[in-house]
Each structure stands twice: as C-alpha cells, then as structure tokens.
Amino acid sequence: MATLENVNGLNPNQVPALVMRSVENARVALEDGDADKAIKMMTSTDALCSKVVAPPTIHGLAMRVISDAYVAKGDLGEAKKALQKGLDLCKPHDGKAGMPEFMKQDLNGRMGDLLMALGEIEKTQGSFQLAARNMRKAAERFEVLGQKEFVAATLNRVALCLMEQGKHDMALSELEEAEGNATGNEHEAALLSSTLLYKGRCLAKRDDLVSAREAMTRALQYAMACGNEPVVAECEAFLGETQEKSTVD
C-alpha cells in the first residue's frame, strides 16, 4: 500500500487519494486543537507533491490546509507564505491553451479559495487595500465558475475592507453587485442579511438615514428568516436609535 513515507515507484494517479487522506487527517488534528500535528502531516504531503509533481490544484489544497494550521497557531506570516506558494503553483497553468474544461474549473476554484484565504489574513493584519484586491480577484474566479453565492459572500468581505478604509461609495458599489448575485439562490437570506447590513452602515456614513433605515429593515427581515442573531441585534439597535428619521412615523 502506498504511503506518504514510501513514494518510490508511486503511481501518480495515486497521489490525489493520498493527499485527500492526509488533508482529512490534518483537518481532524486541527479540530482536536493539534495544529503542530496538522503542520507535520501537511509538510510531508507538500514534499510528496513536489517529488511526484502533483497537479497544482491538489498541491494547492495541501498548501491551503498548511495555512489553516499556521493560522490556528497564530503564525500569520507562515500562513501567508503557504497560500502564496499554492498560488505560485497554480499560476503557470492559468489560461493554458488546450486545458480540459474540468481542469480550468478546478484551477479557478482552487485559486479563488487561496486568494480569499490570503485576503482574510491580510484583513486580520489591517492590510485592507491588499485584502480587498485579493478578495476581488477571488470573486472574479468564482464568477467564472458561475458560483453566485461565493461571489456574493466574497464581495461582502471586499466591501468590509473598503469600509475600513473609509471608501463607502466604493463599498456600496460592491454591495450592489453582491446583492445581485445573492438574490434568488438558496443562501439568499444569510447572504443578504449581511449585504444589506453593510449597505445600511455605508448609507448612514453618508448621512442618508432614510435609505439606511430601508436597508437595515430589509437586513432585519432576512436575518430573522435565517437566524442571524448578531445582524438582528445590530439592525434593531440602529432602527431604534434612528426612529425619528423613519418615513412612516
């Protein structure tokens, strides 16, 4: 039986199954709070992928899980290095002529995931401009795949980064696009509760409290429908504090 420790003569077709097994074991270790064990597992997997020249999407997945383990340890620098390595592995194949459609889809999905994870770390570090840029690139990957729910969720995060920079007009533009992608899919309520909450915050910053209240009222309705209690609490507080601005009072 092929193992990560015994790769001599390994059939390359066995690599994806081996990597997936290692990924699952590493994720279990992370759930158990043992980030060091997960890192050790995935470092071995990284070496295997390099030795047998694994498909970039498979090797990229390994780097994604290593990054998660470093994030769990609080080592964001190493986490970012792992994500960047995953992206660097994928880039030479991006847009390659003659690539089968399923491989293009896999590559877009993996690069979107890696870019989004990188953006989240940059956001945590306060690098909001970089974070927004990488998240926007991730959204473009998801858009190619037709994954509207991922596009909407990602654009919500882009908007937050722009809001942190005081760029509320730009954030509103991203939120309009997010709303269009969120509307009509199965995760509509969860997505729009956040989209409309952020929209309300932006409008309030522009002193357009009437429009802000409209957005917050809609956010509250969606939040109640999906059980998003933090959004419910924020919307109710905002609507209570701005009651005198209501057009129906």
C-alpha atoms as a PDB file:
ATOM      1  CA  MET A   1       0.000   0.000   0.000  1.00  0.00           C
ATOM      2  CA  ALA A   2       1.345   3.430  -0.951  1.00  0.00           C
ATOM      3  CA  THR A   3       2.037   5.823   1.894  1.00  0.00           C
ATOM      4  CA  LEU A   4       3.430   9.324   2.215  1.00  0.00           C
ATOM      5  CA  GLU A   5       6.648   7.820   3.605  1.00  0.00           C
ATOM      6  CA  ASN A   6       7.090   5.317   0.770  1.00  0.00           C
ATOM      7  CA  VAL A   7       6.776   7.127  -2.553  1.00  0.00           C
ATOM      8  CA  ASN A   8       9.379   5.319  -4.669  1.00  0.00           C
ATOM      9  CA  GLY A   9       7.649   3.971  -7.736  1.00  0.00           C
ATOM     10  CA  LEU A  10       4.384   5.612  -6.708  1.00  0.00           C
ATOM     11  CA  ASN A  11       1.825   5.782  -9.483  1.00  0.00           C
ATOM     12  CA  PRO A  12       0.989   9.497  -9.970  1.00  0.00           C
ATOM     13  CA  ASN A  13      -2.679   8.520 -10.165  1.00  0.00           C
ATOM     14  CA  GLN A  14      -2.479   7.532  -6.506  1.00  0.00           C
ATOM     15  CA  VAL A  15      -1.358  10.989  -5.388  1.00  0.00           C
ATOM     16  CA  PRO A  16      -4.774  12.725  -5.225  1.00  0.00           C
ATOM     17  CA  ALA A  17      -6.189   9.978  -2.996  1.00  0.00           C
ATOM     18  CA  LEU A  18      -3.130  10.096  -0.727  1.00  0.00           C
ATOM     19  CA  VAL A  19      -3.297  13.876  -0.464  1.00  0.00           C
ATOM     20  CA  MET A  20      -7.018  13.838   0.308  1.00  0.00           C
ATOM     21  CA  ARG A  21      -6.463  11.247   3.037  1.00  0.00           C
ATOM     22  CA  SER A  22      -3.717  13.399   4.532  1.00  0.00           C
ATOM     23  CA  VAL A  23      -5.905  16.524   4.259  1.00  0.00           C
ATOM     24  CA  GLU A  24      -8.739  14.817   6.135  1.00  0.00           C
ATOM     25  CA  ASN A  25      -6.361  13.596   8.860  1.00  0.00           C
ATOM     26  CA  ALA A  26      -4.862  17.073   9.192  1.00  0.00           C
ATOM     27  CA  ARG A  27      -8.308  18.636   9.480  1.00  0.00           C
ATOM     28  CA  VAL A  28      -9.200  16.179  12.236  1.00  0.00           C
ATOM     29  CA  ALA A  29      -5.995  17.172  14.035  1.00  0.00           C
ATOM     30  CA  LEU A  30      -6.963  20.841  13.701  1.00  0.00           C
ATOM     31  CA  GLU A  31     -10.427  20.144  15.072  1.00  0.00           C
ATOM     32  CA  ASP A  32      -8.726  18.426  18.019  1.00  0.00           C
ATOM     33  CA  GLY A  33      -6.595  21.519  18.581  1.00  0.00           C
ATOM     34  CA  ASP A  34      -3.320  19.956  17.469  1.00  0.00           C
ATOM     35  CA  ALA A  35      -2.010  22.413  14.883  1.00  0.00           C
ATOM     36  CA  ASP A  36       1.555  21.082  15.137  1.00  0.00           C
ATOM     37  CA  LYS A  37       0.414  17.600  14.161  1.00  0.00           C
ATOM     38  CA  ALA A  38      -1.516  19.024  11.201  1.00  0.00           C
ATOM     39  CA  ILE A  39       1.532  21.007  10.064  1.00  0.00           C
ATOM     40  CA  LYS A  40       3.753  17.922  10.281  1.00  0.00           C
ATOM     41  CA  MET A  41       1.257  15.890   8.223  1.00  0.00           C
ATOM     42  CA  MET A  42       0.846  18.507   5.540  1.00  0.00           C
ATOM     43  CA  THR A  43       4.560  19.333   5.332  1.00  0.00           C
ATOM     44  CA  SER A  44       5.077  15.668   4.463  1.00  0.00           C
ATOM     45  CA  THR A  45       2.276  15.941   1.891  1.00  0.00           C
ATOM     46  CA  ASP A  46       3.849  19.083   0.431  1.00  0.00           C
ATOM     47  CA  ALA A  47       7.119  17.169  -0.014  1.00  0.00           C
ATOM     48  CA  LEU A  48       5.297  14.288  -1.689  1.00  0.00           C
ATOM     49  CA  CYS A  49       3.520  16.637  -4.087  1.00  0.00           C
ATOM     50  CA  SER A  50       6.805  18.299  -5.012  1.00  0.00           C
ATOM     51  CA  LYS A  51       8.557  14.957  -5.549  1.00  0.00           C
ATOM     52  CA  VAL A  52       5.945  13.495  -7.889  1.00  0.00           C
ATOM     53  CA  VAL A  53       4.898  16.849  -9.430  1.00  0.00           C
ATOM     54  CA  ALA A  54       1.293  16.596  -8.286  1.00  0.00           C
ATOM     55  CA  PRO A  55      -1.449  18.507 -10.107  1.00  0.00           C
ATOM     56  CA  PRO A  56      -1.389  22.160  -8.975  1.00  0.00           C
ATOM     57  CA  THR A  57      -4.940  22.031  -7.621  1.00  0.00           C
ATOM     58  CA  ILE A  58      -4.030  19.050  -5.400  1.00  0.00           C
ATOM     59  CA  HIS A  59      -0.756  20.592  -4.246  1.00  0.00           C
ATOM     60  CA  GLY A  60      -2.559  23.898  -3.756  1.00  0.00           C
ATOM     61  CA  LEU A  61      -5.054  22.206  -1.458  1.00  0.00           C
ATOM     62  CA  ALA A  62      -2.191  20.920   0.672  1.00  0.00           C
ATOM     63  CA  MET A  63      -0.834  24.452   0.988  1.00  0.00           C
ATOM     64  CA  ARG A  64      -4.279  25.731   1.932  1.00  0.00           C
ATOM     65  CA  VAL A  65      -4.507  23.263   4.813  1.00  0.00           C
ATOM     66  CA  ILE A  66      -0.963  24.074   5.968  1.00  0.00           C
ATOM     67  CA  SER A  67      -2.026  27.713   6.010  1.00  0.00           C
ATOM     68  CA  ASP A  68      -5.070  26.901   8.142  1.00  0.00           C
ATOM     69  CA  ALA A  69      -2.796  25.130  10.617  1.00  0.00           C
ATOM     70  CA  TYR A  70      -0.455  28.114  10.860  1.00  0.00           C
ATOM     71  CA  VAL A  71      -3.430  30.422  11.336  1.00  0.00           C
ATOM     72  CA  ALA A  72      -4.548  28.183  14.212  1.00  0.00           C
ATOM     73  CA  LYS A  73      -1.092  28.660  15.761  1.00  0.00           C
ATOM     74  CA  GLY A  74      -1.275  32.424  15.222  1.00  0.00           C
ATOM     75  CA  ASP A  75       1.642  32.412  12.772  1.00  0.00           C
ATOM     76  CA  LEU A  76       0.093  34.514  10.019  1.00  0.00           C
ATOM     77  CA  GLY A  77       3.395  35.077   8.249  1.00  0.00           C
ATOM     78  CA  GLU A  78       3.900  31.364   7.571  1.00  0.00           C
ATOM     79  CA  ALA A  79       0.217  31.022   6.728  1.00  0.00           C
ATOM     80  CA  LYS A  80       0.561  33.666   4.009  1.00  0.00           C
ATOM     81  CA  LYS A  81       3.720  32.010   2.643  1.00  0.00           C
ATOM     82  CA  ALA A  82       1.838  28.723   2.276  1.00  0.00           C
ATOM     83  CA  LEU A  83      -1.025  30.399   0.414  1.00  0.00           C
ATOM     84  CA  GLN A  84       1.359  32.269  -1.864  1.00  0.00           C
ATOM     85  CA  LYS A  85       3.170  29.018  -2.672  1.00  0.00           C
ATOM     86  CA  GLY A  86      -0.184  27.462  -3.578  1.00  0.00           C
ATOM     87  CA  LEU A  87      -0.945  30.368  -5.897  1.00  0.00           C
ATOM     88  CA  ASP A  88       2.516  30.229  -7.441  1.00  0.00           C
ATOM     89  CA  LEU A  89       1.987  26.537  -8.198  1.00  0.00           C
ATOM     90  CA  CYS A  90      -1.278  27.299  -9.978  1.00  0.00           C
ATOM     91  CA  LYS A  91      -0.288  30.422 -11.928  1.00  0.00           C
ATOM     92  CA  PRO A  92       1.787  28.736 -14.669  1.00  0.00           C
ATOM     93  CA  HIS A  93      -1.265  26.677 -15.636  1.00  0.00           C
ATOM     94  CA  ASP A  94      -3.742  29.555 -15.544  1.00  0.00           C
ATOM     95  CA  GLY A  95      -5.142  30.198 -19.018  1.00  0.00           C
ATOM     96  CA  LYS A  96      -3.036  27.420 -20.533  1.00  0.00           C
ATOM     97  CA  ALA A  97      -4.152  26.518 -24.049  1.00  0.00           C
ATOM     98  CA  GLY A  98      -5.727  23.119 -24.539  1.00  0.00           C
ATOM     99  CA  MET A  99      -6.581  22.571 -20.890  1.00  0.00           C
ATOM    100  CA  PRO A 100      -9.748  20.467 -20.447  1.00  0.00           C
ATOM    101  CA  GLU A 101     -12.743  22.400 -19.121  1.00  0.00           C
ATOM    102  CA  PHE A 102     -12.925  20.468 -15.851  1.00  0.00           C
ATOM    103  CA  MET A 103      -9.274  21.319 -15.149  1.00  0.00           C
ATOM    104  CA  LYS A 104      -9.937  25.006 -15.834  1.00  0.00           C
ATOM    105  CA  GLN A 105     -12.811  24.892 -13.361  1.00  0.00           C
ATOM    106  CA  ASP A 106     -10.707  23.118 -10.733  1.00  0.00           C
ATOM    107  CA  LEU A 107      -7.919  25.649 -11.191  1.00  0.00           C
ATOM    108  CA  ASN A 108     -10.260  28.640 -10.899  1.00  0.00           C
ATOM    109  CA  GLY A 109     -11.852  27.163  -7.803  1.00  0.00           C
ATOM    110  CA  ARG A 110      -8.516  26.456  -6.113  1.00  0.00           C
ATOM    111  CA  MET A 111      -7.074  29.879  -6.957  1.00  0.00           C
ATOM    112  CA  GLY A 112     -10.250  31.588  -5.783  1.00  0.00           C
ATOM    113  CA  ASP A 113     -10.074  29.738  -2.468  1.00  0.00           C
ATOM    114  CA  LEU A 114      -6.381  30.553  -1.980  1.00  0.00           C
ATOM    115  CA  LEU A 115      -6.879  34.231  -2.860  1.00  0.00           C
ATOM    116  CA  MET A 116      -9.823  34.519  -0.478  1.00  0.00           C
ATOM    117  CA  ALA A 117      -7.882  32.940   2.377  1.00  0.00           C
ATOM    118  CA  LEU A 118      -4.949  35.268   1.691  1.00  0.00           C
ATOM    119  CA  GLY A 119      -7.293  38.251   1.712  1.00  0.00           C
ATOM    120  CA  GLU A 120      -8.779  37.233   5.057  1.00  0.00           C
ATOM    121  CA  ILE A 121      -5.331  37.082   6.636  1.00  0.00           C
ATOM    122  CA  GLU A 122      -4.432  40.479   5.186  1.00  0.00           C
ATOM    123  CA  LYS A 123      -7.687  41.866   6.555  1.00  0.00           C
ATOM    124  CA  THR A 124      -6.826  40.496  10.000  1.00  0.00           C
ATOM    125  CA  GLN A 125      -3.431  42.206   9.759  1.00  0.00           C
ATOM    126  CA  GLY A 126      -5.072  45.517   8.857  1.00  0.00           C
ATOM    127  CA  SER A 127      -3.809  45.496   5.243  1.00  0.00           C
ATOM    128  CA  PHE A 128      -7.261  46.365   3.944  1.00  0.00           C
ATOM    129  CA  GLN A 129      -6.199  47.539   0.488  1.00  0.00           C
ATOM    130  CA  LEU A 130      -4.281  44.331  -0.232  1.00  0.00           C
ATOM    131  CA  ALA A 131      -7.084  42.272   1.262  1.00  0.00           C
ATOM    132  CA  ALA A 132      -9.719  43.927  -0.923  1.00  0.00           C
ATOM    133  CA  ARG A 133      -7.578  43.416  -4.013  1.00  0.00           C
ATOM    134  CA  ASN A 134      -7.062  39.694  -3.414  1.00  0.00           C
ATOM    135  CA  MET A 135     -10.673  39.125  -2.417  1.00  0.00           C
ATOM    136  CA  ARG A 136     -11.802  40.893  -5.599  1.00  0.00           C
ATOM    137  CA  LYS A 137      -9.587  38.547  -7.622  1.00  0.00           C
ATOM    138  CA  ALA A 138     -11.186  35.619  -5.782  1.00  0.00           C
ATOM    139  CA  ALA A 139     -14.661  36.898  -6.664  1.00  0.00           C
ATOM    140  CA  GLU A 140     -13.665  37.025 -10.328  1.00  0.00           C
ATOM    141  CA  ARG A 141     -12.596  33.369 -10.160  1.00  0.00           C
ATOM    142  CA  PHE A 142     -15.890  32.356  -8.582  1.00  0.00           C
ATOM    143  CA  GLU A 143     -17.776  34.391 -11.167  1.00  0.00           C
ATOM    144  CA  VAL A 144     -16.139  32.429 -13.992  1.00  0.00           C
ATOM    145  CA  LEU A 145     -17.435  29.271 -12.318  1.00  0.00           C
ATOM    146  CA  GLY A 146     -20.958  30.686 -12.029  1.00  0.00           C
ATOM    147  CA  GLN A 147     -20.841  30.304  -8.235  1.00  0.00           C
ATOM    148  CA  LYS A 148     -23.018  33.285  -7.430  1.00  0.00           C
ATOM    149  CA  GLU A 149     -23.287  32.544  -3.710  1.00  0.00           C
ATOM    150  CA  PHE A 150     -19.471  32.584  -3.412  1.00  0.00           C
ATOM    151  CA  VAL A 151     -19.295  35.790  -5.453  1.00  0.00           C
ATOM    152  CA  ALA A 152     -21.816  37.469  -3.151  1.00  0.00           C
ATOM    153  CA  ALA A 153     -20.122  36.295   0.050  1.00  0.00           C
ATOM    154  CA  THR A 154     -16.727  37.413  -1.237  1.00  0.00           C
ATOM    155  CA  LEU A 155     -17.960  40.834  -2.343  1.00  0.00           C
ATOM    156  CA  ASN A 156     -19.462  41.342   1.113  1.00  0.00           C
ATOM    157  CA  ARG A 157     -15.955  40.875   2.516  1.00  0.00           C
ATOM    158  CA  VAL A 158     -14.476  43.215  -0.107  1.00  0.00           C
ATOM    159  CA  ALA A 159     -16.999  45.846   0.962  1.00  0.00           C
ATOM    160  CA  LEU A 160     -15.955  45.485   4.601  1.00  0.00           C
ATOM    161  CA  CYS A 161     -12.331  46.110   3.647  1.00  0.00           C
ATOM    162  CA  LEU A 162     -13.336  49.222   1.710  1.00  0.00           C
ATOM    163  CA  MET A 163     -15.439  50.433   4.626  1.00  0.00           C
ATOM    164  CA  GLU A 164     -12.419  50.052   6.920  1.00  0.00           C
ATOM    165  CA  GLN A 165     -10.602  52.460   4.572  1.00  0.00           C
ATOM    166  CA  GLY A 166     -13.499  54.940   4.640  1.00  0.00           C
ATOM    167  CA  LYS A 167     -14.337  54.200   0.991  1.00  0.00           C
ATOM    168  CA  HIS A 168     -18.074  53.912   1.494  1.00  0.00           C
ATOM    169  CA  ASP A 169     -19.098  54.825  -2.048  1.00  0.00           C
ATOM    170  CA  MET A 170     -16.852  52.091  -3.449  1.00  0.00           C
ATOM    171  CA  ALA A 171     -18.199  49.682  -0.836  1.00  0.00           C
ATOM    172  CA  LEU A 172     -21.762  50.448  -1.919  1.00  0.00           C
ATOM    173  CA  SER A 173     -20.854  49.559  -5.494  1.00  0.00           C
ATOM    174  CA  GLU A 174     -19.515  46.175  -4.365  1.00  0.00           C
ATOM    175  CA  LEU A 175     -22.622  45.612  -2.248  1.00  0.00           C
ATOM    176  CA  GLU A 176     -24.931  46.332  -5.181  1.00  0.00           C
ATOM    177  CA  GLU A 177     -23.104  43.632  -7.131  1.00  0.00           C
ATOM    178  CA  ALA A 178     -23.228  41.306  -4.132  1.00  0.00           C
ATOM    179  CA  GLU A 179     -26.982  41.813  -3.813  1.00  0.00           C
ATOM    180  CA  GLY A 180     -27.479  40.914  -7.455  1.00  0.00           C
ATOM    181  CA  ASN A 181     -25.528  37.683  -7.024  1.00  0.00           C
ATOM    182  CA  ALA A 182     -27.175  36.745  -3.731  1.00  0.00           C
ATOM    183  CA  THR A 183     -30.755  37.265  -4.892  1.00  0.00           C
ATOM    184  CA  GLY A 184     -32.501  34.065  -5.860  1.00  0.00           C
ATOM    185  CA  ASN A 185     -30.020  31.467  -4.635  1.00  0.00           C
ATOM    186  CA  GLU A 186     -30.563  29.034  -1.783  1.00  0.00           C
ATOM    187  CA  HIS A 187     -28.412  31.043   0.635  1.00  0.00           C
ATOM    188  CA  GLU A 188     -30.192  34.296  -0.167  1.00  0.00           C
ATOM    189  CA  ALA A 189     -31.324  35.152   3.370  1.00  0.00           C
ATOM    190  CA  ALA A 190     -27.935  34.555   5.003  1.00  0.00           C
ATOM    191  CA  LEU A 191     -26.077  36.487   2.310  1.00  0.00           C
ATOM    192  CA  LEU A 192     -28.472  39.418   2.033  1.00  0.00           C
ATOM    193  CA  SER A 193     -28.722  39.872   5.794  1.00  0.00           C
ATOM    194  CA  SER A 194     -25.024  40.815   5.724  1.00  0.00           C
ATOM    195  CA  THR A 195     -25.106  42.643   2.377  1.00  0.00           C
ATOM    196  CA  LEU A 196     -27.944  44.910   3.457  1.00  0.00           C
ATOM    197  CA  LEU A 197     -26.493  45.447   6.923  1.00  0.00           C
ATOM    198  CA  TYR A 198     -23.257  46.727   5.372  1.00  0.00           C
ATOM    199  CA  LYS A 199     -25.262  48.786   2.893  1.00  0.00           C
ATOM    200  CA  GLY A 200     -27.109  50.391   5.800  1.00  0.00           C
ATOM    201  CA  ARG A 201     -23.828  51.204   7.540  1.00  0.00           C
ATOM    202  CA  CYS A 202     -22.456  52.848   4.387  1.00  0.00           C
ATOM    203  CA  LEU A 203     -25.591  54.900   3.831  1.00  0.00           C
ATOM    204  CA  ALA A 204     -25.560  56.020   7.451  1.00  0.00           C
ATOM    205  CA  LYS A 205     -21.970  57.222   6.999  1.00  0.00           C
ATOM    206  CA  ARG A 206     -23.250  59.350   4.101  1.00  0.00           C
ATOM    207  CA  ASP A 207     -25.953  60.748   6.413  1.00  0.00           C
ATOM    208  CA  ASP A 208     -28.660  59.200   4.233  1.00  0.00           C
ATOM    209  CA  LEU A 209     -30.535  57.816   7.202  1.00  0.00           C
ATOM    210  CA  VAL A 210     -33.816  57.270   5.371  1.00  0.00           C
ATOM    211  CA  SER A 211     -32.137  54.944   2.871  1.00  0.00           C
ATOM    212  CA  ALA A 212     -30.024  53.441   5.647  1.00  0.00           C
ATOM    213  CA  ARG A 213     -33.166  52.563   7.593  1.00  0.00           C
ATOM    214  CA  GLU A 214     -34.674  50.946   4.499  1.00  0.00           C
ATOM    215  CA  ALA A 215     -31.567  48.797   4.065  1.00  0.00           C
ATOM    216  CA  MET A 216     -31.477  47.908   7.760  1.00  0.00           C
ATOM    217  CA  THR A 217     -35.170  46.986   7.738  1.00  0.00           C
ATOM    218  CA  ARG A 218     -34.610  44.594   4.847  1.00  0.00           C
ATOM    219  CA  ALA A 219     -31.462  43.224   6.530  1.00  0.00           C
ATOM    220  CA  LEU A 220     -33.502  42.587   9.672  1.00  0.00           C
ATOM    221  CA  GLN A 221     -36.135  40.651   7.722  1.00  0.00           C
ATOM    222  CA  TYR A 222     -33.534  38.410   6.095  1.00  0.00           C
ATOM    223  CA  ALA A 223     -31.615  37.999   9.359  1.00  0.00           C
ATOM    224  CA  MET A 224     -34.753  36.878  11.186  1.00  0.00           C
ATOM    225  CA  ALA A 225     -35.519  34.431   8.384  1.00  0.00           C
ATOM    226  CA  CYS A 226     -32.119  32.726   8.648  1.00  0.00           C
ATOM    227  CA  GLY A 227     -31.496  33.153  12.382  1.00  0.00           C
ATOM    228  CA  ASN A 228     -28.551  35.553  12.057  1.00  0.00           C
ATOM    229  CA  GLU A 229     -28.813  36.899  15.608  1.00  0.00           C
ATOM    230  CA  PRO A 230     -25.877  39.375  15.533  1.00  0.00           C
ATOM    231  CA  VAL A 231     -27.372  41.086  12.482  1.00  0.00           C
ATOM    232  CA  VAL A 232     -30.827  41.083  14.092  1.00  0.00           C
ATOM    233  CA  ALA A 233     -29.384  42.788  17.179  1.00  0.00           C
ATOM    234  CA  GLU A 234     -27.483  45.442  15.199  1.00  0.00           C
ATOM    235  CA  CYS A 235     -30.425  46.228  12.924  1.00  0.00           C
ATOM    236  CA  GLU A 236     -32.883  46.520  15.804  1.00  0.00           C
ATOM    237  CA  ALA A 237     -30.499  48.816  17.684  1.00  0.00           C
ATOM    238  CA  PHE A 238     -29.975  51.039  14.634  1.00  0.00           C
ATOM    239  CA  LEU A 239     -33.675  51.238  13.826  1.00  0.00           C
ATOM    240  CA  GLY A 240     -34.466  52.086  17.423  1.00  0.00           C
ATOM    241  CA  GLU A 241     -31.831  54.810  17.607  1.00  0.00           C
ATOM    242  CA  THR A 242     -32.970  56.406  14.325  1.00  0.00           C
ATOM    243  CA  GLN A 243     -36.699  56.074  14.877  1.00  0.00           C
ATOM    244  CA  GLU A 244     -37.344  59.773  14.332  1.00  0.00           C
ATOM    245  CA  LYS A 245     -35.956  59.508  10.807  1.00  0.00           C
ATOM    246  CA  SER A 246     -38.490  56.902   9.777  1.00  0.00           C
ATOM    247  CA  THR A 247     -40.621  57.951   6.823  1.00  0.00           C
ATOM    248  CA  VAL A 248     -43.614  56.181   8.357  1.00  0.00           C
ATOM    249  CA  ASP A 249     -43.597  57.948  11.712  1.00  0.00           C
END
